Amino acid sequence: MNEQLEAQLTYLRLSGLRTNWDRYMQIAQKGNFSHTRLLTYIIEEEYKIKKENARKMRLKRARIPEMFAIETYPFEKQPKLKKKKILAVYDSFDYMTKMQNIIWIGQTGTGKTGLATAFLAQAIDKGHTGLFVLFPDLISELYQSEGDHSEQKVLKKYYAPDCLLIDELGYVEIQSAQVGLLFTLMQKRHKKKTTLITSNLGFQEWTSFLMNRQLTAALIDRLTESSHVINMKECISLRPKPNEM
């Protein structure tokens, strides 16, 4: 490949074609492909590369701290977890196509984050945008937005993803202003985008950190309408005990 052609492929962002040029030329020289078939093959390969690069970029932008797969979740260690229900929701992909929420509730260490992350990763793999955020970090960002009057920018940031995972909801108390912004965010996403939530507290305990009974009730009402609630309260912790490490 000469420098001019390489520069043109770079300008056109045809990285796959540039990288595989020699291989494609070898295929052409063998004469097993017609011109039409060879061009079709090259375009299909470039398409696959573009799609895979786009998927990797969406995963990177999602800021998932640790990747999990549904296939590796130890369902055998959680006999009280409704495996069939979870897999049915996962396999049907309704949570994305119907823009439904999923809420995992259970004690620390039961694997809520792992399951939720697997759902988020699936959405990204299938072409959707996604974002992972810890609840304390989200609240901190909402708090800071009040000071510099960037509320709309922050709300837009968390409204934008097709699938938003809010992890560890309930670990920090928040003031009424942040509760209002959180409710506004959930209201904007309601029936338009999918929100995944993990929490170590049951709904009846959410007022302990949201500090506003009316907004808490309204928030739960929005989140649970057309949603799946995965009860993991009776599940055991999967984290190794000190004497097992």
Protein backbone atom coordinates (compact mmCIF):
# COMPACT_ATOMS: atom_id res chain seq x y z
CA MET A 1 0.00 0.00 0.00
CA ASN A 2 1.43 3.40 -0.95
CA GLU A 3 1.42 6.37 1.42
CA GLN A 4 -1.27 8.25 -0.48
CA LEU A 5 -3.72 5.36 -0.28
CA GLU A 6 -2.92 4.82 3.39
CA ALA A 7 -3.56 8.51 4.05
CA GLN A 8 -6.88 8.34 2.20
CA LEU A 9 -8.01 5.30 4.19
CA THR A 10 -7.01 7.06 7.40
CA TYR A 11 -8.98 10.16 6.37
CA LEU A 12 -12.02 7.98 5.62
CA ARG A 13 -11.54 6.22 8.98
CA LEU A 14 -11.41 2.83 7.28
CA SER A 15 -8.99 1.42 9.84
CA GLY A 16 -10.04 -2.16 9.23
CA LEU A 17 -9.41 -1.92 5.51
CA ARG A 18 -6.04 -0.25 6.12
CA THR A 19 -4.98 -2.88 8.66
CA ASN A 20 -6.14 -5.85 6.59
CA TRP A 21 -5.09 -4.52 3.16
CA ASP A 22 -2.37 -7.12 2.57
CA ARG A 23 -4.69 -9.97 3.55
CA TYR A 24 -7.40 -8.72 1.20
CA MET A 25 -4.86 -8.44 -1.62
CA GLN A 26 -3.80 -12.05 -1.01
CA ILE A 27 -7.43 -13.15 -1.24
CA ALA A 28 -7.85 -11.20 -4.49
CA GLN A 29 -4.71 -12.74 -6.01
CA LYS A 30 -5.91 -16.26 -5.33
CA GLY A 31 -8.86 -15.56 -7.63
CA ASN A 32 -11.38 -17.55 -5.59
CA PHE A 33 -13.64 -14.50 -5.17
CA SER A 34 -15.44 -12.65 -7.94
CA HIS A 35 -15.03 -8.86 -7.87
CA THR A 36 -18.53 -8.49 -6.43
CA ARG A 37 -17.99 -11.14 -3.80
CA LEU A 38 -14.63 -9.70 -2.79
CA LEU A 39 -16.04 -6.18 -2.41
CA THR A 40 -18.99 -7.55 -0.45
CA TYR A 41 -16.62 -9.48 1.83
CA ILE A 42 -14.44 -6.41 2.47
CA ILE A 43 -17.46 -4.22 3.24
CA GLU A 44 -18.90 -6.84 5.60
CA GLU A 45 -15.57 -7.14 7.42
CA GLU A 46 -15.26 -3.36 7.72
CA TYR A 47 -18.85 -3.21 9.04
CA LYS A 48 -18.05 -5.82 11.71
CA ILE A 49 -14.94 -3.92 12.77
CA LYS A 50 -16.85 -0.61 12.97
CA LYS A 51 -19.62 -2.19 15.04
CA GLU A 52 -17.16 -3.84 17.42
CA ASN A 53 -15.18 -0.61 17.86
CA ALA A 54 -18.42 1.28 18.53
CA ARG A 55 -19.43 -1.33 21.13
CA LYS A 56 -16.07 -1.03 22.87
CA MET A 57 -16.39 2.75 22.90
CA ARG A 58 -19.89 2.57 24.42
CA LEU A 59 -18.56 0.23 27.10
CA LYS A 60 -15.70 2.59 27.86
CA ARG A 61 -18.03 5.57 28.11
CA ALA A 62 -20.36 3.62 30.41
CA ARG A 63 -17.64 3.73 33.11
CA ILE A 64 -18.43 0.26 34.44
CA PRO A 65 -15.89 -0.38 37.24
CA GLU A 66 -15.99 -4.19 36.93
CA MET A 67 -17.53 -6.29 34.18
CA PHE A 68 -19.87 -9.15 35.01
CA ALA A 69 -21.69 -11.65 32.80
CA ILE A 70 -25.04 -13.28 33.53
CA GLU A 71 -23.52 -16.66 32.63
CA THR A 72 -21.04 -16.49 35.50
CA TYR A 73 -23.46 -15.49 38.27
CA PRO A 74 -23.52 -18.31 40.88
CA PHE A 75 -27.27 -18.96 40.91
CA GLU A 76 -26.59 -22.33 42.57
CA LYS A 77 -25.44 -20.47 45.70
CA GLN A 78 -28.67 -18.42 45.84
CA PRO A 79 -31.49 -21.01 45.86
CA LYS A 80 -34.00 -18.39 47.07
CA LEU A 81 -33.32 -16.16 44.07
CA LYS A 82 -35.83 -16.50 41.24
CA LYS A 83 -33.40 -17.55 38.52
CA LYS A 84 -36.06 -18.25 35.89
CA LYS A 85 -37.60 -14.79 36.33
CA ILE A 86 -34.25 -13.04 36.02
CA LEU A 87 -33.21 -15.02 32.95
CA ALA A 88 -36.62 -14.50 31.35
CA VAL A 89 -36.26 -10.72 31.69
CA TYR A 90 -32.68 -10.87 30.45
CA ASP A 91 -33.38 -13.10 27.45
CA SER A 92 -36.54 -11.27 26.33
CA PHE A 93 -34.71 -7.91 26.45
CA ASP A 94 -38.08 -6.30 27.28
CA TYR A 95 -36.44 -4.05 29.85
CA MET A 96 -34.91 -2.15 26.95
CA THR A 97 -37.46 -2.55 24.16
CA LYS A 98 -40.30 -1.57 26.51
CA MET A 99 -38.18 0.91 28.51
CA GLN A 100 -38.80 -0.80 31.84
CA ASN A 101 -36.88 -0.31 35.07
CA ILE A 102 -35.28 -3.07 37.10
CA ILE A 103 -34.68 -2.70 40.84
CA TRP A 104 -32.59 -5.15 42.86
CA ILE A 105 -33.15 -5.02 46.64
CA GLY A 106 -31.10 -7.05 49.10
CA GLN A 107 -28.28 -7.04 51.60
CA THR A 108 -24.69 -6.18 50.76
CA GLY A 109 -22.66 -8.86 49.01
CA THR A 110 -25.50 -10.81 47.43
CA GLY A 111 -24.46 -9.96 43.87
CA LYS A 112 -26.93 -7.20 43.05
CA THR A 113 -24.30 -5.09 41.30
CA GLY A 114 -23.04 -8.06 39.32
CA LEU A 115 -26.51 -8.85 37.98
CA ALA A 116 -27.33 -5.22 37.25
CA THR A 117 -24.00 -4.75 35.46
CA ALA A 118 -24.70 -7.82 33.32
CA PHE A 119 -27.99 -6.25 32.21
CA LEU A 120 -26.28 -2.93 31.48
CA ALA A 121 -23.55 -4.67 29.48
CA GLN A 122 -26.14 -6.57 27.46
CA ALA A 123 -27.92 -3.34 26.55
CA ILE A 124 -24.61 -1.85 25.41
CA ASP A 125 -23.70 -4.97 23.43
CA LYS A 126 -27.01 -4.71 21.58
CA GLY A 127 -26.32 -1.17 20.44
CA HIS A 128 -27.66 1.02 23.25
CA THR A 129 -25.80 3.67 25.22
CA GLY A 130 -25.31 3.12 28.93
CA LEU A 131 -23.82 4.65 32.07
CA PHE A 132 -22.86 3.33 35.51
CA VAL A 133 -22.88 5.63 38.53
CA LEU A 134 -22.66 5.07 42.27
CA PHE A 135 -25.54 6.72 44.10
CA PRO A 136 -23.20 8.73 46.40
CA ASP A 137 -21.36 10.05 43.34
CA LEU A 138 -24.63 11.00 41.65
CA ILE A 139 -25.80 12.85 44.74
CA SER A 140 -22.45 14.62 45.06
CA GLU A 141 -22.71 15.77 41.46
CA LEU A 142 -26.28 16.98 41.98
CA TYR A 143 -25.14 18.86 45.11
CA GLN A 144 -22.28 20.55 43.26
CA SER A 145 -24.57 21.50 40.40
CA GLU A 146 -26.58 23.64 42.78
CA GLY A 147 -23.52 25.70 43.65
CA ASP A 148 -22.47 26.46 40.08
CA HIS A 149 -26.00 26.44 38.63
CA SER A 150 -25.25 23.54 36.28
CA GLU A 151 -28.35 21.52 37.23
CA GLN A 152 -29.64 21.28 33.68
CA LYS A 153 -26.26 20.10 32.38
CA VAL A 154 -26.07 17.36 35.01
CA LEU A 155 -29.68 16.29 34.44
CA LYS A 156 -29.01 16.11 30.70
CA LYS A 157 -25.91 13.97 31.31
CA TYR A 158 -27.88 11.37 33.25
CA TYR A 159 -30.98 11.56 31.10
CA ALA A 160 -29.05 10.88 27.89
CA PRO A 161 -28.07 7.17 28.31
CA ASP A 162 -30.56 4.61 27.05
CA CYS A 163 -29.75 2.53 30.12
CA LEU A 164 -28.64 4.12 33.41
CA LEU A 165 -27.41 2.00 36.34
CA ILE A 166 -27.55 3.69 39.75
CA ASP A 167 -25.66 1.46 42.17
CA GLU A 168 -25.88 1.32 45.98
CA LEU A 169 -28.87 3.59 46.38
CA GLY A 170 -29.34 4.37 50.05
CA TYR A 171 -25.83 4.81 51.44
CA VAL A 172 -26.00 8.58 51.94
CA GLU A 173 -28.59 11.00 53.24
CA ILE A 174 -29.55 13.76 50.84
CA GLN A 175 -31.15 17.15 51.23
CA SER A 176 -34.52 18.20 49.83
CA ALA A 177 -32.95 20.04 46.88
CA GLN A 178 -31.08 16.92 45.73
CA VAL A 179 -34.21 14.80 46.27
CA GLY A 180 -36.03 17.23 43.99
CA LEU A 181 -33.34 16.95 41.31
CA LEU A 182 -33.30 13.15 41.61
CA PHE A 183 -37.08 13.08 41.21
CA THR A 184 -36.81 15.39 38.19
CA LEU A 185 -34.27 13.03 36.61
CA MET A 186 -36.44 9.98 37.20
CA GLN A 187 -39.48 11.86 35.92
CA LYS A 188 -37.64 12.73 32.71
CA ARG A 189 -36.56 9.10 32.21
CA HIS A 190 -39.98 7.69 33.11
CA LYS A 191 -41.23 5.43 30.29
CA LYS A 192 -38.60 6.95 27.97
CA LYS A 193 -35.37 5.34 29.17
CA THR A 194 -34.43 2.27 31.22
CA THR A 195 -33.09 2.75 34.75
CA LEU A 196 -31.42 -0.04 36.73
CA ILE A 197 -31.13 0.41 40.50
CA THR A 198 -29.53 -1.61 43.28
CA SER A 199 -30.32 -0.90 46.93
CA ASN A 200 -29.66 -2.54 50.28
CA LEU A 201 -32.86 -0.97 51.64
CA GLY A 202 -36.48 -1.91 51.01
CA PHE A 203 -38.87 0.73 49.64
CA GLN A 204 -40.34 1.35 53.09
CA GLU A 205 -36.87 2.43 54.28
CA TRP A 206 -36.13 4.91 51.50
CA THR A 207 -37.46 7.83 53.52
CA SER A 208 -34.54 7.27 55.92
CA PHE A 209 -32.12 8.75 53.39
CA LEU A 210 -34.35 10.68 50.99
CA MET A 211 -35.69 12.73 53.92
CA ASN A 212 -38.91 13.70 52.14
CA ARG A 213 -41.91 11.42 52.51
CA GLN A 214 -43.99 12.89 49.69
CA LEU A 215 -41.21 12.96 47.11
CA THR A 216 -40.09 9.48 48.19
CA ALA A 217 -43.57 8.11 47.57
CA ALA A 218 -43.74 9.85 44.20
CA LEU A 219 -40.27 8.60 43.24
CA ILE A 220 -41.08 4.99 44.13
CA ASP A 221 -44.35 5.29 42.22
CA ARG A 222 -42.48 6.39 39.07
CA LEU A 223 -39.74 3.78 39.42
CA THR A 224 -42.01 0.81 40.07
CA GLU A 225 -44.57 1.53 37.35
CA SER A 226 -43.90 -0.89 34.50
CA SER A 227 -40.82 -2.29 36.21
CA HIS A 228 -39.28 -5.48 37.54
CA VAL A 229 -38.42 -5.69 41.24
CA ILE A 230 -35.90 -8.42 42.10
CA ASN A 231 -36.22 -9.31 45.79
CA MET A 232 -32.87 -10.54 47.12
CA LYS A 233 -33.57 -9.93 50.81
CA GLU A 234 -33.30 -13.63 51.65
CA CYS A 235 -30.16 -14.17 49.59
CA ILE A 236 -26.85 -14.81 51.33
CA SER A 237 -23.65 -12.82 50.97
CA LEU A 238 -21.29 -14.23 48.35
CA ARG A 239 -18.28 -12.43 49.72
CA PRO A 240 -15.68 -14.71 51.33
CA LYS A 241 -15.41 -14.54 55.10
CA PRO A 242 -12.03 -13.61 56.63
CA ASN A 243 -11.24 -17.25 57.54
CA GLU A 244 -12.06 -18.32 53.96
CA MET A 245 -9.62 -15.92 52.30
